[in-house]
Each structure stands twice: as C-alpha cells, then as structure tokens.
C-alpha cells in the first residue's frame, strides 16, 4: 500500500496522507512503528491506534516515537455504562499520547458499548447511557482548535482558546470527595466567575449546571465529589506574550538546555570546521552555544550555530541509526539536517530528525561537560527533552567618565536600564554572583567590543 501510494502520487495525485496501522493496543502500535524502516516511515503521515489497552501501555513512548506526526486515538470503546473508565482513559490519552483526534467506538450500540443504547438490526433505539453525559463533559466545551495544556495530573484535561480567551478544565475524581485548588497565575489576568457542570457515576446528575465559583487572586477552589466528572469554564483570560502554547520562533537565537543536566548544546571548542562535534557543556553565552531556527519546510527547521552561520546541526554520515553522532556541517538540504520540534511538558520540546525520525539525545544520560549529542529512538526521557531560552541582544551603553567608580565598577541605577533585563539572558544563575549588594557590576566580567558592552563570561 505504501509504495502503491507513491505510484499514485507520481501519476498525478497531488496529496495523499497514509495512516498506519490502527493497532488494537499501544504496545502493538509501538512495535509496528519500530518495525518500519526509515523509507517506510517517510511515507506515513499519521499514526492511528486503538485504546483497548485501557489504562496500561506505552502511550508516552508511542507519542515520542511517532516523531511529531499526526496521531489519532482512532477507536476506544467499553462496556462500562457509567463512563468513568472512558473518562480515565481520555485523561491518560491527553496526558501522555497527545492525540490530534479522539474517537469513540460507536455512538449507537448495545450491551452498554454505545453512548446510546441501541440495536440497529432490530430497528430499536433506547436511552442515552451515563457515559453519553460523561463524554459531553469533554466534548461540549473543549472545541476544535483549542490548545491542550498540561496540568501535570492524570485526572485532568485542560484546553485553552487564545482567540476566545477561554480555559476549560475537566476533572475526573474516583477517590474521596475533596477540594481541588486551581492556579491561574500563568495568565496575565483571570476574571470570574467560573461556570461549571457535573456528571455523577451513579447517573443521579447528568451534565447538570452547578453554582458559579468566584476567582480570588487568580485562584479558585472547588469541591469535587467522589465518582464524578466536573467541567469548569473560565472566560476573559489574557495570556502573557510568548507563553502558553508557544514554541521557539524562527529567526531568533536560543540556548538549548537538556532537562536532565541543565547544561546547553554547543559546538565543541567553538570550532568553525566542517564536521565539528556537538556536545553539552556549562553555559557561558558563547556564540557556539546559541542556535537559530530557520524554516526548512513541512514543519521542520534547520538549527544554525551563531559562531558558524554557514553550518547547521546535522547527523553524521546522514545516518538513520541509533547512536549516530551529531555535528555541524554546511547546509545541503538533506533530511538529516532538518529537525521537528515535538512539544513536551512545561513548554519544553523533543527534537526529531526528519531523516531517521529519531530524537536528539545526550549520550548515556550523562550530566558531564563534553557528553556527546547523538540521535536515538524517542523515549521521552529527560536527556531527550530540551528547553529553548531566547537569547536577547546585549544592550549598547554609553558611559560618561563619572559613571565608573574608583574600584572599576558601574552603578546600574545610573544607566536607566534594569539589570535583570540586561544580563539575565546570557548569565542565567550567574547574574547574582556578578551583581554586588549595591546593585553594581564588576567590569572585569565584561569586554568592550566595537563600542558596546559584551559579556566575556561568568566568573567562578
């Protein structure tokens, strides 16, 4: 089928997205995906999987191994009429699988499998099951195009619409009745009241409106009953620029930090040579530690080091194998030089090679300076998850002779610039060491380059 499709495209079909493989479980889907070679994977535009492994299975591994392609939970069903098993699986799917679409088995079916009890061969349709209303707790408020946000919890699904400034929170509680505290401090502003709806597993309440809840100091508290599903809607939320749901933008310089080590990705020794090694190291704001994203088409980027802008992050020998080294090479347009950003938790990302569909990886989960950067099959481990921190340009500053103290220090208060805004992008945690108690900076930490201040590196 894959290679027939290639022939169809050559015959004039302009576009054909192939989905694979509609396996019954997450484990089967992962094994099937791993069995495909690189050429076969390149023909697949979407992975479909069924949710019949229930609350078990490698959802997160499948997500990262899928390398940022579209992923559908294309079928889920069950005979639990309360809908609580379904609700738990929806939460786990959105927490770990990150599907682009989620599909239920059949809306009309018998033996408690349908959302509405029915026997179509006998031309009979009965009442809506409780699971119909449980699913409504998700589908009536979470809308197509919403951003799915992470709450860090397995019992909650959160969506946000920047255009409508609307946040939706769905909570599934099978444990004892308890208070849930909701923190909205990530938003610039949050206005109440919070509207909410509830369905109980015993069907005594089915998508019933509850009393509004006030917001106090960007937080609100709600009592969530045992064996219930609640939906909360918060409107008139304003998010900070470049925060919720945003990703690094092309044309800007970034520090790329592995989450397991807190170091950064750099070109070894600031070499400008073809084939220079890429490794992790402590951050010193060197140009070899700053990377620009440039559009490479089809949702991929090339990553260019600042000290050698004619080069880019590449997989050695265009390899598709596990363990292949990463290096800098002149850009040729090969797929081994193109990377997709795959969203992870807390605004972080995995980077996946277009050529191999494998992830950028710090070798052996090392935390040491000089550890090699390689490619490896996606796992979602922290040595494959990276934070992108924008590098702001160093400010140009004009100093009069009187601005410099006798001990070779300048007082930032005299410069009409906030120290943290000027320095933090390059110095990170080293900023506190460089600032004195009197808000002065030691000039020994800086060099004057072409008439402006440049940071020469944080001192020990």
Protein backbone atom coordinates (compact mmCIF):
# COMPACT_ATOMS: atom_id res chain seq x y z
CA UNK A 1 0.00 0.00 0.00
CA UNK A 2 2.77 2.45 0.91
CA UNK A 3 4.62 2.07 -2.33
CA UNK A 4 1.44 1.93 -4.42
CA UNK A 5 0.60 5.29 -2.90
CA UNK A 6 3.94 6.62 -4.10
CA UNK A 7 2.99 5.50 -7.61
CA UNK A 8 -0.38 7.22 -7.32
CA UNK A 9 1.34 10.46 -6.41
CA UNK A 10 3.67 10.11 -9.40
CA UNK A 11 0.57 9.57 -11.53
CA UNK A 12 -0.82 12.96 -10.65
CA UNK A 13 -2.44 12.64 -7.24
CA UNK A 14 -1.30 15.85 -5.57
CA UNK A 15 -1.52 14.72 -1.96
CA UNK A 16 -2.25 11.51 -0.08
CA UNK A 17 -1.87 11.11 3.67
CA UNK A 18 -1.32 7.48 4.66
CA UNK A 19 -2.33 6.37 8.16
CA UNK A 20 -0.88 3.35 9.93
CA UNK A 21 -1.69 0.95 11.45
CA UNK A 22 -4.87 1.04 13.59
CA UNK A 23 -3.42 -1.46 16.04
CA UNK A 24 -5.63 -2.51 18.96
CA UNK A 25 -3.18 -1.53 21.71
CA UNK A 26 -0.42 0.99 22.35
CA UNK A 27 2.15 -1.80 22.68
CA UNK A 28 1.21 -3.27 19.31
CA UNK A 29 1.32 0.17 17.69
CA UNK A 30 4.77 0.87 19.14
CA UNK A 31 6.13 -2.49 17.98
CA UNK A 32 4.70 -1.98 14.49
CA UNK A 33 6.15 1.51 14.23
CA UNK A 34 9.57 0.26 15.34
CA UNK A 35 9.42 -2.48 12.70
CA UNK A 36 9.15 0.04 9.85
CA UNK A 37 12.39 1.11 8.19
CA UNK A 38 13.19 4.78 7.55
CA UNK A 39 11.84 4.71 3.98
CA UNK A 40 8.51 3.25 5.07
CA UNK A 41 8.19 5.77 7.91
CA UNK A 42 8.79 8.60 5.46
CA UNK A 43 5.63 7.58 3.56
CA UNK A 44 3.39 7.63 6.65
CA UNK A 45 1.67 10.90 7.52
CA UNK A 46 -0.31 9.76 10.54
CA UNK A 47 -0.35 7.01 13.16
CA UNK A 48 -3.70 5.58 14.28
CA UNK A 49 -4.06 3.50 17.44
CA UNK A 50 -6.98 2.00 19.38
CA UNK A 51 -7.30 2.37 23.14
CA UNK A 52 -8.08 -1.24 24.04
CA UNK A 53 -5.10 -1.50 26.38
CA UNK A 54 -7.10 0.55 28.85
CA UNK A 55 -5.08 2.40 31.47
CA UNK A 56 -1.96 0.36 30.62
CA UNK A 57 0.50 0.56 27.77
CA UNK A 58 3.34 2.79 26.49
CA UNK A 59 1.33 5.87 25.49
CA UNK A 60 4.20 8.31 26.04
CA UNK A 61 6.77 6.17 24.20
CA UNK A 62 4.43 5.92 21.23
CA UNK A 63 3.98 9.70 21.19
CA UNK A 64 7.72 10.38 21.07
CA UNK A 65 8.46 7.53 18.68
CA UNK A 66 5.84 8.97 16.34
CA UNK A 67 8.24 11.89 15.85
CA UNK A 68 5.73 14.72 15.76
CA UNK A 69 3.45 13.32 13.06
CA UNK A 70 -0.31 13.42 13.44
CA UNK A 71 -1.57 10.85 15.93
CA UNK A 72 -5.16 9.70 16.30
CA UNK A 73 -6.78 7.68 19.04
CA UNK A 74 -8.95 6.26 16.30
CA UNK A 75 -11.09 3.93 18.39
CA UNK A 76 -11.99 3.42 22.03
CA UNK A 77 -14.92 1.53 23.49
CA UNK A 78 -16.04 -0.39 26.53
CA UNK A 79 -19.00 -1.86 28.37
CA UNK A 80 -18.81 0.34 31.49
CA UNK A 81 -22.12 2.24 31.35
CA UNK A 82 -21.04 4.82 33.96
CA UNK A 83 -18.40 6.26 31.63
CA UNK A 84 -15.77 6.53 34.37
CA UNK A 85 -13.40 4.05 32.69
CA UNK A 86 -13.73 6.01 29.46
CA UNK A 87 -13.08 9.28 31.29
CA UNK A 88 -9.93 7.90 32.93
CA UNK A 89 -8.61 6.77 29.56
CA UNK A 90 -9.36 10.12 27.93
CA UNK A 91 -7.32 11.83 30.66
CA UNK A 92 -4.41 9.42 30.20
CA UNK A 93 -4.55 9.81 26.42
CA UNK A 94 -4.38 13.60 26.60
CA UNK A 95 -1.70 13.48 29.31
CA UNK A 96 0.68 11.08 27.53
CA UNK A 97 -0.48 10.21 23.99
CA UNK A 98 -1.34 13.79 22.88
CA UNK A 99 -3.74 12.74 20.10
CA UNK A 100 -4.85 15.15 17.39
CA UNK A 101 -8.24 13.42 17.45
CA UNK A 102 -10.04 11.07 19.84
CA UNK A 103 -12.80 8.79 18.53
CA UNK A 104 -15.35 6.66 20.34
CA UNK A 105 -16.29 3.21 19.01
CA UNK A 106 -19.97 3.73 18.09
CA UNK A 107 -22.46 6.27 19.43
CA UNK A 108 -25.28 3.71 18.94
CA UNK A 109 -24.69 0.14 20.14
CA UNK A 110 -25.99 -2.45 22.59
CA UNK A 111 -24.61 -4.29 25.66
CA UNK A 112 -23.51 -0.97 27.20
CA UNK A 113 -20.97 -0.32 24.42
CA UNK A 114 -22.88 2.54 22.87
CA UNK A 115 -23.21 6.07 24.16
CA UNK A 116 -26.88 5.49 23.42
CA UNK A 117 -28.30 2.00 23.93
CA UNK A 118 -29.46 0.66 20.57
CA UNK A 119 -29.88 -2.43 18.43
CA UNK A 120 -29.95 -1.14 14.88
CA UNK A 121 -30.57 -4.51 13.14
CA UNK A 122 -33.79 -4.69 15.16
CA UNK A 123 -34.60 -1.01 14.50
CA UNK A 124 -34.53 -0.18 18.19
CA UNK A 125 -33.00 2.85 19.95
CA UNK A 126 -33.16 3.26 23.71
CA UNK A 127 -31.95 5.78 26.26
CA UNK A 128 -28.64 7.63 26.48
CA UNK A 129 -26.18 5.87 28.77
CA UNK A 130 -24.48 7.78 31.57
CA UNK A 131 -21.26 7.65 29.51
CA UNK A 132 -23.00 9.89 26.94
CA UNK A 133 -23.08 12.67 29.53
CA UNK A 134 -19.56 11.90 30.78
CA UNK A 135 -18.25 12.32 27.23
CA UNK A 136 -20.27 15.54 26.96
CA UNK A 137 -18.24 16.89 29.91
CA UNK A 138 -15.30 16.92 27.46
CA UNK A 139 -16.83 17.47 24.03
CA UNK A 140 -19.31 20.27 24.74
CA UNK A 141 -16.64 22.67 25.98
CA UNK A 142 -13.30 21.51 24.51
CA UNK A 143 -13.52 22.69 20.91
CA UNK A 144 -11.65 22.01 17.70
CA UNK A 145 -8.55 24.18 17.51
CA UNK A 146 -8.14 24.60 21.27
CA UNK A 147 -4.66 24.19 22.71
CA UNK A 148 -4.39 21.20 25.04
CA UNK A 149 -2.34 22.27 28.05
CA UNK A 150 -0.63 20.10 30.63
CA UNK A 151 -1.81 20.18 34.21
CA UNK A 152 0.81 17.62 35.27
CA UNK A 153 -2.02 15.38 36.52
CA UNK A 154 -3.54 12.13 35.25
CA UNK A 155 -7.09 13.05 36.29
CA UNK A 156 -7.38 16.35 34.43
CA UNK A 157 -7.66 17.63 30.85
CA UNK A 158 -7.12 21.35 30.19
CA UNK A 159 -7.76 23.27 26.96
CA UNK A 160 -7.28 26.93 26.09
CA UNK A 161 -8.53 29.09 23.23
CA UNK A 162 -6.31 32.19 22.81
CA UNK A 163 -8.83 33.71 20.38
CA UNK A 164 -11.79 33.28 22.72
CA UNK A 165 -9.68 33.79 25.88
CA UNK A 166 -11.39 30.74 27.34
CA UNK A 167 -9.96 28.00 29.56
CA UNK A 168 -11.69 24.62 30.00
CA UNK A 169 -10.74 22.24 32.83
CA UNK A 170 -12.21 18.73 33.07
CA UNK A 171 -11.55 16.80 36.30
CA UNK A 172 -12.27 13.09 36.84
CA UNK A 173 -12.37 12.04 40.50
CA UNK A 174 -12.73 8.40 41.53
CA UNK A 175 -11.30 8.87 45.02
CA UNK A 176 -12.89 10.51 48.06
CA UNK A 177 -14.67 13.84 47.83
CA UNK A 178 -12.02 16.54 48.12
CA UNK A 179 -11.21 20.18 47.40
CA UNK A 180 -9.23 20.97 44.25
CA UNK A 181 -7.28 24.23 44.08
CA UNK A 182 -6.78 25.73 40.62
CA UNK A 183 -3.91 28.16 39.96
CA UNK A 184 -4.36 30.55 37.02
CA UNK A 185 -1.23 32.61 37.68
CA UNK A 186 0.22 31.70 34.27
CA UNK A 187 -2.29 34.15 32.78
CA UNK A 188 -1.97 37.92 32.72
CA UNK A 189 -5.49 38.29 34.07
CA UNK A 190 -8.34 35.99 35.08
CA UNK A 191 -11.92 37.12 35.63
CA UNK A 192 -14.65 35.15 37.35
CA UNK A 193 -17.00 33.71 37.95
CA UNK A 194 -16.10 30.15 36.92
CA UNK A 195 -19.01 28.28 35.36
CA UNK A 196 -19.17 24.53 35.92
CA UNK A 197 -21.10 21.36 35.08
CA UNK A 198 -21.15 17.92 36.72
CA UNK A 199 -21.98 14.29 35.92
CA UNK A 200 -22.07 11.64 38.66
CA UNK A 201 -21.21 8.00 38.01
CA UNK A 202 -24.47 6.84 39.63
CA UNK A 203 -26.39 8.89 36.98
CA UNK A 204 -28.19 10.98 39.61
CA UNK A 205 -26.77 14.06 37.88
CA UNK A 206 -26.06 14.11 34.16
CA UNK A 207 -24.30 17.20 32.81
CA UNK A 208 -26.04 19.47 35.29
CA UNK A 209 -25.08 23.09 35.82
CA UNK A 210 -23.59 23.89 39.23
CA UNK A 211 -23.24 27.16 41.12
CA UNK A 212 -20.70 29.66 39.81
CA UNK A 213 -17.38 29.84 41.65
CA UNK A 214 -15.58 33.15 42.32
CA UNK A 215 -11.92 33.74 41.43
CA UNK A 216 -9.71 35.23 44.12
CA UNK A 217 -6.14 36.27 43.33
CA UNK A 218 -6.01 34.15 40.14
CA UNK A 219 -7.08 31.02 42.03
CA UNK A 220 -10.33 29.22 42.70
CA UNK A 221 -11.31 26.18 44.76
CA UNK A 222 -13.96 23.58 44.01
CA UNK A 223 -15.22 20.55 45.88
CA UNK A 224 -15.08 17.52 43.58
CA UNK A 225 -17.34 14.64 44.62
CA UNK A 226 -16.28 11.01 44.59
CA UNK A 227 -17.01 9.23 41.28
CA UNK A 228 -17.78 12.40 39.38
CA UNK A 229 -16.67 14.37 36.34
CA UNK A 230 -16.61 18.19 36.54
CA UNK A 231 -16.11 20.72 33.75
CA UNK A 232 -15.01 24.27 34.60
CA UNK A 233 -15.02 27.16 32.12
CA UNK A 234 -13.06 30.35 32.78
CA UNK A 235 -13.53 33.26 30.36
CA UNK A 236 -11.75 36.56 29.70
CA UNK A 237 -8.30 35.13 30.31
CA UNK A 238 -5.38 37.08 28.91
CA UNK A 239 -2.14 35.19 28.48
CA UNK A 240 1.34 36.74 28.54
CA UNK A 241 3.04 37.07 25.15
CA UNK A 242 5.09 34.03 24.12
CA UNK A 243 3.90 31.80 26.91
CA UNK A 244 1.07 29.31 26.79
CA UNK A 245 1.18 27.07 23.76
CA UNK A 246 4.03 28.99 22.11
CA UNK A 247 7.12 27.41 20.61
CA UNK A 248 10.51 28.81 19.61
CA UNK A 249 10.28 31.07 16.59
CA UNK A 250 12.45 31.08 13.52
CA UNK A 251 14.96 33.87 13.16
CA UNK A 252 15.79 34.14 16.88
CA UNK A 253 18.77 32.83 18.83
CA UNK A 254 18.22 30.27 21.58
CA UNK A 255 20.08 28.46 24.30
CA UNK A 256 19.06 24.77 24.14
CA UNK A 257 19.14 23.11 27.56
CA UNK A 258 18.79 19.33 28.19
CA UNK A 259 16.36 18.87 31.07
CA UNK A 260 18.35 16.14 32.82
CA UNK A 261 21.58 18.16 33.13
CA UNK A 262 20.77 21.88 32.96
CA UNK A 263 23.72 22.42 30.60
CA UNK A 264 23.49 23.54 26.98
CA UNK A 265 24.10 22.25 23.48
CA UNK A 266 27.27 23.62 21.89
CA UNK A 267 29.74 23.09 19.06
CA UNK A 268 32.89 21.75 20.71
CA UNK A 269 35.70 24.25 21.12
CA UNK A 270 33.76 26.89 19.16
CA UNK A 271 35.17 25.24 16.05
CA UNK A 272 34.05 26.55 12.67
CA UNK A 273 35.30 23.45 10.88
CA UNK A 274 33.19 21.11 8.80
CA UNK A 275 32.23 18.10 10.92
CA UNK A 276 32.97 19.70 14.31
CA UNK A 277 31.42 17.72 17.15
CA UNK A 278 28.27 18.80 19.01
CA UNK A 279 28.21 18.20 22.77
CA UNK A 280 26.75 19.55 26.01
CA UNK A 281 28.59 21.98 28.25
CA UNK A 282 28.05 24.50 31.02
CA UNK A 283 26.61 27.72 29.64
CA UNK A 284 28.92 30.71 29.17
CA UNK A 285 26.95 32.61 26.50
CA UNK A 286 29.45 31.65 23.81
CA UNK A 287 28.32 32.09 20.22
CA UNK A 288 28.86 28.34 19.76
CA UNK A 289 26.12 27.80 22.38
CA UNK A 290 23.48 29.86 20.58
CA UNK A 291 21.25 28.38 17.88
CA UNK A 292 18.91 29.98 15.35
CA UNK A 293 15.84 28.21 14.00
CA UNK A 294 15.36 28.61 10.25
CA UNK A 295 12.42 27.28 8.29
CA UNK A 296 13.24 24.10 6.36
CA UNK A 297 9.70 23.42 5.11
CA UNK A 298 6.95 20.96 6.06
CA UNK A 299 7.14 21.91 9.73
CA UNK A 300 10.88 21.24 10.04
CA UNK A 301 13.73 23.59 10.96
CA UNK A 302 17.45 23.74 10.49
CA UNK A 303 19.45 24.84 13.53
CA UNK A 304 22.35 27.19 12.86
CA UNK A 305 25.13 27.94 15.39
CA UNK A 306 25.82 31.64 15.84
CA UNK A 307 29.61 31.34 15.53
CA UNK A 308 29.37 29.49 12.19
CA UNK A 309 26.22 30.63 10.43
CA UNK A 310 27.13 28.78 7.24
CA UNK A 311 26.80 25.47 9.15
CA UNK A 312 23.88 23.65 10.77
CA UNK A 313 23.10 20.80 13.16
CA UNK A 314 23.46 17.55 11.21
CA UNK A 315 23.55 13.78 11.74
CA UNK A 316 26.95 12.32 10.85
CA UNK A 317 27.03 10.46 7.52
CA UNK A 318 23.28 11.06 7.11
CA UNK A 319 22.78 8.01 9.32
CA UNK A 320 19.36 6.74 10.34
CA UNK A 321 20.78 4.51 13.09
CA UNK A 322 20.65 4.75 16.86
CA UNK A 323 23.80 6.31 18.32
CA UNK A 324 24.77 8.33 15.24
CA UNK A 325 26.74 11.41 16.27
CA UNK A 326 25.57 14.98 15.76
CA UNK A 327 27.93 17.52 14.23
CA UNK A 328 27.94 20.80 12.33
CA UNK A 329 28.01 20.71 8.54
CA UNK A 330 27.32 23.09 5.69
CA UNK A 331 23.64 23.00 4.82
CA UNK A 332 22.89 20.79 1.82
CA UNK A 333 19.15 20.42 2.27
CA UNK A 334 19.41 16.76 3.27
CA UNK A 335 16.75 15.42 5.64
CA UNK A 336 19.45 14.64 8.23
CA UNK A 337 19.83 18.43 8.69
CA UNK A 338 16.13 19.08 9.30
CA UNK A 339 14.51 18.87 12.72
CA UNK A 340 10.95 18.87 14.01
CA UNK A 341 10.06 20.33 17.42
CA UNK A 342 7.79 17.90 19.28
CA UNK A 343 6.03 19.54 22.26
CA UNK A 344 6.68 18.06 25.70
CA UNK A 345 5.80 19.10 29.26
CA UNK A 346 6.22 22.61 30.67
CA UNK A 347 6.95 24.31 27.35
CA UNK A 348 9.85 22.01 26.51
CA UNK A 349 10.48 20.08 23.29
CA UNK A 350 11.97 16.96 21.80
CA UNK A 351 13.86 17.43 18.51
CA UNK A 352 13.33 14.75 15.88
CA UNK A 353 15.39 14.20 12.73
CA UNK A 354 13.38 14.17 9.50
CA UNK A 355 15.76 11.60 8.04
CA UNK A 356 15.60 9.00 10.80
CA UNK A 357 12.61 10.07 12.92
CA UNK A 358 14.92 9.61 15.89
CA UNK A 359 15.36 12.12 18.70
CA UNK A 360 18.29 14.33 19.67
CA UNK A 361 19.77 12.69 22.77
CA UNK A 362 22.54 13.34 25.32
CA UNK A 363 24.52 10.11 25.17
CA UNK A 364 24.18 7.73 28.14
CA UNK A 365 22.04 10.29 30.02
CA UNK A 366 25.35 11.92 31.01
CA UNK A 367 25.38 15.13 33.04
CA UNK A 368 29.05 15.82 32.35
CA UNK A 369 30.56 18.60 30.25
CA UNK A 370 31.65 17.19 26.91
CA UNK A 371 28.98 14.49 26.71
CA UNK A 372 28.21 13.67 23.08
CA UNK A 373 24.96 14.62 21.42
CA UNK A 374 23.59 11.75 19.35
CA UNK A 375 20.31 10.56 17.86
CA UNK A 376 18.32 7.75 19.47
CA UNK A 377 14.80 6.40 19.17
CA UNK A 378 12.37 8.64 21.02
CA UNK A 379 11.61 7.70 24.61
CA UNK A 380 10.53 10.94 26.28
CA UNK A 381 13.35 10.69 28.83
CA UNK A 382 14.76 13.98 30.12
CA UNK A 383 18.02 13.58 28.16
CA UNK A 384 15.84 13.90 25.03
CA UNK A 385 13.79 16.86 26.29
CA UNK A 386 15.09 20.40 25.81
CA UNK A 387 14.23 23.90 26.96
CA UNK A 388 14.61 26.77 24.49
CA UNK A 389 15.62 30.07 26.10
CA UNK A 390 15.68 33.10 23.83
CA UNK A 391 18.99 34.99 23.86
CA UNK A 392 18.27 38.69 23.97
CA UNK A 393 20.79 41.03 22.31
CA UNK A 394 23.31 42.67 24.62
CA UNK A 395 22.40 46.32 25.12
CA UNK A 396 24.63 49.09 23.85
CA UNK A 397 25.50 51.52 26.64
CA UNK A 398 27.18 54.90 26.59
CA UNK A 399 29.15 55.76 29.73
CA UNK A 400 30.44 59.06 30.92
CA UNK A 401 33.68 59.10 32.89
CA UNK A 402 31.76 59.78 36.10
CA UNK A 403 29.72 56.60 35.72
CA UNK A 404 32.74 54.43 36.53
CA UNK A 405 33.69 54.17 40.20
CA UNK A 406 37.26 54.16 41.51
CA UNK A 407 37.04 50.39 42.11
CA UNK A 408 36.24 49.80 38.42
CA UNK A 409 32.51 49.25 38.95
CA UNK A 410 29.46 50.86 37.39
CA UNK A 411 26.19 51.52 39.15
CA UNK A 412 23.33 50.19 37.06
CA UNK A 413 20.98 52.75 38.57
CA UNK A 414 22.91 55.41 36.64
CA UNK A 415 22.30 53.66 33.31
CA UNK A 416 18.48 53.75 33.28
CA UNK A 417 18.31 50.05 32.50
CA UNK A 418 17.10 47.13 34.58
CA UNK A 419 19.96 44.82 35.45
CA UNK A 420 17.91 41.67 35.24
CA UNK A 421 16.67 42.54 31.74
CA UNK A 422 20.15 43.37 30.51
CA UNK A 423 22.07 40.46 31.93
CA UNK A 424 19.84 37.52 32.71
CA UNK A 425 19.51 36.21 29.15
CA UNK A 426 23.20 35.43 28.97
CA UNK A 427 24.19 34.90 32.58
CA UNK A 428 21.30 32.90 33.96
CA UNK A 429 22.07 31.85 37.53
CA UNK A 430 25.45 33.61 37.35
CA UNK A 431 23.74 37.00 37.48
CA UNK A 432 23.53 37.08 41.27
CA UNK A 433 27.26 36.46 41.59
CA UNK A 434 28.09 39.33 39.27
CA UNK A 435 25.82 41.86 40.95
CA UNK A 436 27.03 43.44 44.16
CA UNK A 437 24.80 44.22 47.12
CA UNK A 438 24.78 47.85 46.00
CA UNK A 439 23.49 46.90 42.51
CA UNK A 440 26.84 47.39 40.84
CA UNK A 441 28.59 45.23 38.30
CA UNK A 442 32.29 44.46 38.20
CA UNK A 443 33.68 45.49 34.81
CA UNK A 444 36.11 42.57 34.95
CA UNK A 445 33.23 40.43 33.75
CA UNK A 446 32.89 42.43 30.55
CA UNK A 447 34.83 43.44 27.49
CA UNK A 448 34.19 46.45 25.28
CA UNK A 449 33.58 45.27 21.72
CA UNK A 450 33.06 47.71 18.86
CA UNK A 451 31.88 50.39 21.23
CA UNK A 452 29.35 48.36 23.19
CA UNK A 453 29.43 46.10 26.19
CA UNK A 454 29.83 42.38 25.56
CA UNK A 455 29.80 39.66 28.20
CA UNK A 456 33.10 37.86 28.46
CA UNK A 457 31.72 35.02 30.60
CA UNK A 458 30.58 34.49 34.16
CA UNK A 459 33.43 34.24 36.61
CA UNK A 460 33.87 31.49 39.20
